Amino acid sequence: MATSQSHRQRMIQWVTGGPYAVAVEVEAVFPVDDPSDACLAPETVRYLEQVADWAEAGDLAALMKAGRVYSRMSEPAAV
């Protein structure tokens, strides 16, 4: 009897906080009963929350270890 298994795939999750957006690569699980809906493990969700905290705190060194970091450019001053 064959056992069906969930499909796992690496994907990018975007995390934002403060002036930063971070593209973090994570592993998602696609359950057999609903392969259209990617699920994240609880520890992955906690890690993404930590990355959001680092972004809010402006911890650029930690963000750069987590993924690709983008920063919002400041708007030009009104003349």
PDB file of N, CA and C in Angstrom:
ATOM      1  N   MET A   1       0.849  -1.175   0.000  1.00  0.00           N
ATOM      2  CA  MET A   1       0.000   0.000   0.000  1.00  0.00           C
ATOM      3  C   MET A   1       0.895   1.238   0.000  1.00  0.00           C
ATOM      4  N   ALA A   2       0.694   2.131  -0.934  1.00  0.00           N
ATOM      5  CA  ALA A   2       1.509   3.346  -1.055  1.00  0.00           C
ATOM      6  C   ALA A   2       1.039   4.397  -0.061  1.00  0.00           C
ATOM      7  N   THR A   3       1.983   5.074   0.545  1.00  0.00           N
ATOM      8  CA  THR A   3       1.664   6.159   1.468  1.00  0.00           C
ATOM      9  C   THR A   3       1.902   7.484   0.772  1.00  0.00           C
ATOM     10  N   SER A   4       0.930   8.365   0.849  1.00  0.00           N
ATOM     11  CA  SER A   4       1.157   9.675   0.239  1.00  0.00           C
ATOM     12  C   SER A   4       1.882  10.573   1.217  1.00  0.00           C
ATOM     13  N   GLN A   5       2.740  11.403   0.657  1.00  0.00           N
ATOM     14  CA  GLN A   5       3.527  12.296   1.493  1.00  0.00           C
ATOM     15  C   GLN A   5       3.308  13.727   1.049  1.00  0.00           C
ATOM     16  N   SER A   6       3.498  14.626   1.974  1.00  0.00           N
ATOM     17  CA  SER A   6       3.407  16.046   1.662  1.00  0.00           C
ATOM     18  C   SER A   6       4.579  16.453   0.787  1.00  0.00           C
ATOM     19  N   HIS A   7       4.345  17.403  -0.053  1.00  0.00           N
ATOM     20  CA  HIS A   7       5.386  17.951  -0.921  1.00  0.00           C
ATOM     21  C   HIS A   7       6.020  19.143  -0.209  1.00  0.00           C
ATOM     22  N   ARG A   8       7.340  19.222  -0.199  1.00  0.00           N
ATOM     23  CA  ARG A   8       8.063  20.338   0.416  1.00  0.00           C
ATOM     24  C   ARG A   8       8.754  21.134  -0.677  1.00  0.00           C
ATOM     25  N   GLN A   9       8.772  22.434  -0.486  1.00  0.00           N
ATOM     26  CA  GLN A   9       9.398  23.302  -1.489  1.00  0.00           C
ATOM     27  C   GLN A   9       9.944  24.552  -0.813  1.00  0.00           C
ATOM     28  N   ARG A  10      11.103  25.019  -1.294  1.00  0.00           N
ATOM     29  CA  ARG A  10      11.679  26.281  -0.810  1.00  0.00           C
ATOM     30  C   ARG A  10      10.921  27.417  -1.474  1.00  0.00           C
ATOM     31  N   MET A  11      10.618  28.448  -0.716  1.00  0.00           N
ATOM     32  CA  MET A  11       9.931  29.605  -1.261  1.00  0.00           C
ATOM     33  C   MET A  11      10.348  30.859  -0.506  1.00  0.00           C
ATOM     34  N   ILE A  12      10.048  32.003  -1.077  1.00  0.00           N
ATOM     35  CA  ILE A  12      10.389  33.284  -0.457  1.00  0.00           C
ATOM     36  C   ILE A  12       9.178  33.801   0.325  1.00  0.00           C
ATOM     37  N   GLN A  13       9.428  34.191   1.553  1.00  0.00           N
ATOM     38  CA  GLN A  13       8.433  34.874   2.374  1.00  0.00           C
ATOM     39  C   GLN A  13       8.943  36.294   2.594  1.00  0.00           C
ATOM     40  N   TRP A  14       8.091  37.271   2.392  1.00  0.00           N
ATOM     41  CA  TRP A  14       8.468  38.670   2.602  1.00  0.00           C
ATOM     42  C   TRP A  14       8.113  39.072   4.023  1.00  0.00           C
ATOM     43  N   VAL A  15       9.062  39.713   4.675  1.00  0.00           N
ATOM     44  CA  VAL A  15       8.880  40.223   6.033  1.00  0.00           C
ATOM     45  C   VAL A  15       9.156  41.714   5.982  1.00  0.00           C
ATOM     46  N   THR A  16       8.272  42.505   6.583  1.00  0.00           N
ATOM     47  CA  THR A  16       8.466  43.946   6.597  1.00  0.00           C
ATOM     48  C   THR A  16       8.472  44.452   8.035  1.00  0.00           C
ATOM     49  N   GLY A  17       9.169  45.557   8.219  1.00  0.00           N
ATOM     50  CA  GLY A  17       9.214  46.206   9.517  1.00  0.00           C
ATOM     51  C   GLY A  17      10.059  47.456   9.419  1.00  0.00           C
ATOM     52  N   GLY A  18       9.607  48.531  10.045  1.00  0.00           N
ATOM     53  CA  GLY A  18      10.342  49.789   9.936  1.00  0.00           C
ATOM     54  C   GLY A  18      10.502  50.133   8.463  1.00  0.00           C
ATOM     55  N   PRO A  19      11.675  50.588   8.064  1.00  0.00           N
ATOM     56  CA  PRO A  19      11.888  50.925   6.653  1.00  0.00           C
ATOM     57  C   PRO A  19      12.372  49.745   5.815  1.00  0.00           C
ATOM     58  N   TYR A  20      12.339  48.520   6.371  1.00  0.00           N
ATOM     59  CA  TYR A  20      12.937  47.372   5.700  1.00  0.00           C
ATOM     60  C   TYR A  20      11.906  46.363   5.204  1.00  0.00           C
ATOM     61  N   ALA A  21      12.257  45.715   4.106  1.00  0.00           N
ATOM     62  CA  ALA A  21      11.559  44.527   3.615  1.00  0.00           C
ATOM     63  C   ALA A  21      12.650  43.486   3.393  1.00  0.00           C
ATOM     64  N   VAL A  22      12.385  42.263   3.835  1.00  0.00           N
ATOM     65  CA  VAL A  22      13.387  41.209   3.745  1.00  0.00           C
ATOM     66  C   VAL A  22      12.782  40.001   3.033  1.00  0.00           C
ATOM     67  N   ALA A  23      13.473  39.515   2.018  1.00  0.00           N
ATOM     68  CA  ALA A  23      13.074  38.304   1.312  1.00  0.00           C
ATOM     69  C   ALA A  23      13.778  37.132   1.992  1.00  0.00           C
ATOM     70  N   VAL A  24      13.013  36.331   2.717  1.00  0.00           N
ATOM     71  CA  VAL A  24      13.571  35.222   3.489  1.00  0.00           C
ATOM     72  C   VAL A  24      13.175  33.906   2.816  1.00  0.00           C
ATOM     73  N   GLU A  25      14.160  33.061   2.527  1.00  0.00           N
ATOM     74  CA  GLU A  25      13.869  31.762   1.935  1.00  0.00           C
ATOM     75  C   GLU A  25      13.515  30.780   3.041  1.00  0.00           C
ATOM     76  N   VAL A  26      12.359  30.137   2.907  1.00  0.00           N
ATOM     77  CA  VAL A  26      11.884  29.178   3.906  1.00  0.00           C
ATOM     78  C   VAL A  26      11.403  27.908   3.198  1.00  0.00           C
ATOM     79  N   GLU A  27      11.193  26.875   3.961  1.00  0.00           N
ATOM     80  CA  GLU A  27      10.637  25.645   3.414  1.00  0.00           C
ATOM     81  C   GLU A  27       9.154  25.603   3.732  1.00  0.00           C
ATOM     82  N   ALA A  28       8.352  25.410   2.700  1.00  0.00           N
ATOM     83  CA  ALA A  28       6.909  25.292   2.860  1.00  0.00           C
ATOM     84  C   ALA A  28       6.504  23.845   2.619  1.00  0.00           C
ATOM     85  N   VAL A  29       5.429  23.441   3.262  1.00  0.00           N
ATOM     86  CA  VAL A  29       4.887  22.097   3.100  1.00  0.00           C
ATOM     87  C   VAL A  29       3.526  22.227   2.422  1.00  0.00           C
ATOM     88  N   PHE A  30       3.329  21.442   1.376  1.00  0.00           N
ATOM     89  CA  PHE A  30       2.047  21.408   0.681  1.00  0.00           C
ATOM     90  C   PHE A  30       1.370  20.091   1.059  1.00  0.00           C
ATOM     91  N   PRO A  31       0.355  20.134   1.916  1.00  0.00           N
ATOM     92  CA  PRO A  31      -0.292  18.899   2.379  1.00  0.00           C
ATOM     93  C   PRO A  31      -0.947  18.143   1.218  1.00  0.00           C
ATOM     94  N   VAL A  32      -1.001  16.843   1.365  1.00  0.00           N
ATOM     95  CA  VAL A  32      -1.598  15.987   0.348  1.00  0.00           C
ATOM     96  C   VAL A  32      -3.073  16.322   0.158  1.00  0.00           C
ATOM     97  N   ASP A  33      -3.790  16.588   1.249  1.00  0.00           N
ATOM     98  CA  ASP A  33      -5.231  16.831   1.147  1.00  0.00           C
ATOM     99  C   ASP A  33      -5.568  18.207   0.570  1.00  0.00           C
ATOM    100  N   ASP A  34      -4.604  19.153   0.543  1.00  0.00           N
ATOM    101  CA  ASP A  34      -4.835  20.468  -0.077  1.00  0.00           C
ATOM    102  C   ASP A  34      -3.511  21.009  -0.610  1.00  0.00           C
ATOM    103  N   PRO A  35      -3.048  20.494  -1.754  1.00  0.00           N
ATOM    104  CA  PRO A  35      -1.743  20.907  -2.279  1.00  0.00           C
ATOM    105  C   PRO A  35      -1.703  22.340  -2.807  1.00  0.00           C
ATOM    106  N   SER A  36      -2.836  23.025  -2.818  1.00  0.00           N
ATOM    107  CA  SER A  36      -2.846  24.417  -3.288  1.00  0.00           C
ATOM    108  C   SER A  36      -2.482  25.403  -2.182  1.00  0.00           C
ATOM    109  N   ASP A  37      -2.399  24.914  -0.942  1.00  0.00           N
ATOM    110  CA  ASP A  37      -2.181  25.797   0.201  1.00  0.00           C
ATOM    111  C   ASP A  37      -0.863  25.460   0.893  1.00  0.00           C
ATOM    112  N   ALA A  38       0.126  26.348   0.765  1.00  0.00           N
ATOM    113  CA  ALA A  38       1.419  26.130   1.411  1.00  0.00           C
ATOM    114  C   ALA A  38       1.297  26.384   2.909  1.00  0.00           C
ATOM    115  N   CYS A  39       1.927  25.533   3.698  1.00  0.00           N
ATOM    116  CA  CYS A  39       1.929  25.673   5.152  1.00  0.00           C
ATOM    117  C   CYS A  39       3.365  25.834   5.641  1.00  0.00           C
ATOM    118  N   LEU A  40       3.527  26.593   6.715  1.00  0.00           N
ATOM    119  CA  LEU A  40       4.836  26.783   7.325  1.00  0.00           C
ATOM    120  C   LEU A  40       4.844  26.111   8.685  1.00  0.00           C
ATOM    121  N   ALA A  41       5.983  25.532   9.039  1.00  0.00           N
ATOM    122  CA  ALA A  41       6.133  24.909  10.353  1.00  0.00           C
ATOM    123  C   ALA A  41       6.092  26.002  11.422  1.00  0.00           C
ATOM    124  N   PRO A  42       5.614  25.678  12.625  1.00  0.00           N
ATOM    125  CA  PRO A  42       5.544  26.678  13.697  1.00  0.00           C
ATOM    126  C   PRO A  42       6.884  27.361  13.971  1.00  0.00           C
ATOM    127  N   GLU A  43       7.999  26.601  13.916  1.00  0.00           N
ATOM    128  CA  GLU A  43       9.301  27.220  14.177  1.00  0.00           C
ATOM    129  C   GLU A  43       9.677  28.200  13.062  1.00  0.00           C
ATOM    130  N   THR A  44       9.217  27.944  11.845  1.00  0.00           N
ATOM    131  CA  THR A  44       9.467  28.873  10.743  1.00  0.00           C
ATOM    132  C   THR A  44       8.688  30.162  10.946  1.00  0.00           C
ATOM    133  N   VAL A  45       7.453  30.045  11.390  1.00  0.00           N
ATOM    134  CA  VAL A  45       6.635  31.225  11.667  1.00  0.00           C
ATOM    135  C   VAL A  45       7.272  32.057  12.778  1.00  0.00           C
ATOM    136  N   ARG A  46       7.757  31.396  13.826  1.00  0.00           N
ATOM    137  CA  ARG A  46       8.425  32.120  14.921  1.00  0.00           C
ATOM    138  C   ARG A  46       9.681  32.827  14.412  1.00  0.00           C
ATOM    139  N   TYR A  47      10.430  32.172  13.534  1.00  0.00           N
ATOM    140  CA  TYR A  47      11.631  32.793  12.965  1.00  0.00           C
ATOM    141  C   TYR A  47      11.259  34.034  12.154  1.00  0.00           C
ATOM    142  N   LEU A  48      10.215  33.950  11.349  1.00  0.00           N
ATOM    143  CA  LEU A  48       9.786  35.100  10.559  1.00  0.00           C
ATOM    144  C   LEU A  48       9.327  36.248  11.464  1.00  0.00           C
ATOM    145  N   GLU A  49       8.703  35.924  12.589  1.00  0.00           N
ATOM    146  CA  GLU A  49       8.327  36.952  13.558  1.00  0.00           C
ATOM    147  C   GLU A  49       9.571  37.614  14.140  1.00  0.00           C
ATOM    148  N   GLN A  50      10.619  36.818  14.390  1.00  0.00           N
ATOM    149  CA  GLN A  50      11.883  37.361  14.905  1.00  0.00           C
ATOM    150  C   GLN A  50      12.506  38.291  13.877  1.00  0.00           C
ATOM    151  N   VAL A  51      12.459  37.906  12.607  1.00  0.00           N
ATOM    152  CA  VAL A  51      12.992  38.758  11.542  1.00  0.00           C
ATOM    153  C   VAL A  51      12.221  40.084  11.508  1.00  0.00           C
ATOM    154  N   ALA A  52      10.910  40.033  11.681  1.00  0.00           N
ATOM    155  CA  ALA A  52      10.108  41.262  11.717  1.00  0.00           C
ATOM    156  C   ALA A  52      10.535  42.145  12.891  1.00  0.00           C
ATOM    157  N   ASP A  53      10.826  41.535  14.034  1.00  0.00           N
ATOM    158  CA  ASP A  53      11.303  42.299  15.195  1.00  0.00           C
ATOM    159  C   ASP A  53      12.640  42.965  14.886  1.00  0.00           C
ATOM    160  N   TRP A  54      13.538  42.236  14.225  1.00  0.00           N
ATOM    161  CA  TRP A  54      14.834  42.813  13.847  1.00  0.00           C
ATOM    162  C   TRP A  54      14.643  43.987  12.898  1.00  0.00           C
ATOM    163  N   ALA A  55      13.693  43.840  11.974  1.00  0.00           N
ATOM    164  CA  ALA A  55      13.428  44.926  11.021  1.00  0.00           C
ATOM    165  C   ALA A  55      12.914  46.160  11.750  1.00  0.00           C
ATOM    166  N   GLU A  56      11.987  45.969  12.665  1.00  0.00           N
ATOM    167  CA  GLU A  56      11.455  47.093  13.448  1.00  0.00           C
ATOM    168  C   GLU A  56      12.550  47.769  14.263  1.00  0.00           C
ATOM    169  N   ALA A  57      13.474  46.957  14.797  1.00  0.00           N
ATOM    170  CA  ALA A  57      14.553  47.486  15.630  1.00  0.00           C
ATOM    171  C   ALA A  57      15.693  48.068  14.795  1.00  0.00           C
ATOM    172  N   GLY A  58      15.665  47.840  13.486  1.00  0.00           N
ATOM    173  CA  GLY A  58      16.724  48.349  12.626  1.00  0.00           C
ATOM    174  C   GLY A  58      18.021  47.565  12.725  1.00  0.00           C
ATOM    175  N   ASP A  59      17.934  46.276  13.093  1.00  0.00           N
ATOM    176  CA  ASP A  59      19.125  45.431  13.235  1.00  0.00           C
ATOM    177  C   ASP A  59      19.545  44.907  11.859  1.00  0.00           C
ATOM    178  N   LEU A  60      20.232  45.756  11.118  1.00  0.00           N
ATOM    179  CA  LEU A  60      20.606  45.448   9.745  1.00  0.00           C
ATOM    180  C   LEU A  60      21.524  44.233   9.652  1.00  0.00           C
ATOM    181  N   ALA A  61      22.438  44.055  10.603  1.00  0.00           N
ATOM    182  CA  ALA A  61      23.354  42.905  10.581  1.00  0.00           C
ATOM    183  C   ALA A  61      22.566  41.587  10.652  1.00  0.00           C
ATOM    184  N   ALA A  62      21.581  41.521  11.543  1.00  0.00           N
ATOM    185  CA  ALA A  62      20.765  40.303  11.668  1.00  0.00           C
ATOM    186  C   ALA A  62      19.912  40.100  10.418  1.00  0.00           C
ATOM    187  N   LEU A  63      19.372  41.188   9.883  1.00  0.00           N
ATOM    188  CA  LEU A  63      18.535  41.081   8.683  1.00  0.00           C
ATOM    189  C   LEU A  63      19.329  40.550   7.494  1.00  0.00           C
ATOM    190  N   MET A  64      20.575  40.990   7.372  1.00  0.00           N
ATOM    191  CA  MET A  64      21.398  40.556   6.243  1.00  0.00           C
ATOM    192  C   MET A  64      21.723  39.064   6.324  1.00  0.00           C
ATOM    193  N   LYS A  65      21.729  38.511   7.522  1.00  0.00           N
ATOM    194  CA  LYS A  65      21.938  37.067   7.676  1.00  0.00           C
ATOM    195  C   LYS A  65      20.660  36.293   7.360  1.00  0.00           C
ATOM    196  N   ALA A  66      19.512  36.949   7.534  1.00  0.00           N
ATOM    197  CA  ALA A  66      18.223  36.285   7.344  1.00  0.00           C
ATOM    198  C   ALA A  66      17.818  36.185   5.875  1.00  0.00           C
ATOM    199  N   GLY A  67      18.222  37.172   5.084  1.00  0.00           N
ATOM    200  CA  GLY A  67      17.800  37.155   3.685  1.00  0.00           C
ATOM    201  C   GLY A  67      18.241  38.402   2.955  1.00  0.00           C
ATOM    202  N   ARG A  68      17.630  38.634   1.820  1.00  0.00           N
ATOM    203  CA  ARG A  68      17.962  39.806   1.007  1.00  0.00           C
ATOM    204  C   ARG A  68      17.171  41.004   1.542  1.00  0.00           C
ATOM    205  N   VAL A  69      17.874  42.081   1.889  1.00  0.00           N
ATOM    206  CA  VAL A  69      17.270  43.224   2.563  1.00  0.00           C
ATOM    207  C   VAL A  69      17.055  44.371   1.583  1.00  0.00           C
ATOM    208  N   TYR A  70      15.890  44.957   1.661  1.00  0.00           N
ATOM    209  CA  TYR A  70      15.546  46.145   0.880  1.00  0.00           C
ATOM    210  C   TYR A  70      15.164  47.241   1.859  1.00  0.00           C
ATOM    211  N   SER A  71      15.545  48.479   1.521  1.00  0.00           N
ATOM    212  CA  SER A  71      15.261  49.606   2.400  1.00  0.00           C
ATOM    213  C   SER A  71      14.460  50.655   1.641  1.00  0.00           C
ATOM    214  N   ARG A  72      13.475  51.201   2.314  1.00  0.00           N
ATOM    215  CA  ARG A  72      12.676  52.259   1.712  1.00  0.00           C
ATOM    216  C   ARG A  72      13.527  53.516   1.617  1.00  0.00           C
ATOM    217  N   MET A  73      13.487  54.146   0.466  1.00  0.00           N
ATOM    218  CA  MET A  73      14.230  55.402   0.291  1.00  0.00           C
ATOM    219  C   MET A  73      13.394  56.517   0.875  1.00  0.00           C
ATOM    220  N   SER A  74      14.041  57.478   1.517  1.00  0.00           N
ATOM    221  CA  SER A  74      13.301  58.586   2.084  1.00  0.00           C
ATOM    222  C   SER A  74      12.806  59.503   0.966  1.00  0.00           C
ATOM    223  N   GLU A  75      11.688  60.105   1.233  1.00  0.00           N
ATOM    224  CA  GLU A  75      11.070  61.008   0.264  1.00  0.00           C
ATOM    225  C   GLU A  75      11.850  62.324   0.236  1.00  0.00           C
ATOM    226  N   PRO A  76      11.954  62.946  -0.920  1.00  0.00           N
ATOM    227  CA  PRO A  76      12.640  64.242  -0.978  1.00  0.00           C
ATOM    228  C   PRO A  76      11.857  65.292  -0.185  1.00  0.00           C
ATOM    229  N   ALA A  77      12.573  66.194   0.419  1.00  0.00           N
ATOM    230  CA  ALA A  77      11.946  67.253   1.199  1.00  0.00           C
ATOM    231  C   ALA A  77      11.180  68.196   0.288  1.00  0.00           C
ATOM    232  N   ALA A  78      10.049  68.682   0.778  1.00  0.00           N
ATOM    233  CA  ALA A  78       9.258  69.638   0.004  1.00  0.00           C
ATOM    234  C   ALA A  78      10.000  70.971  -0.092  1.00  0.00           C
ATOM    235  N   VAL A  79       9.914  71.581  -1.238  1.00  0.00           N
ATOM    236  CA  VAL A  79      10.621  72.839  -1.461  1.00  0.00           C
ATOM    237  C   VAL A  79       9.698  73.997  -1.165  1.00  0.00           C
TER     238      VAL A  79
END
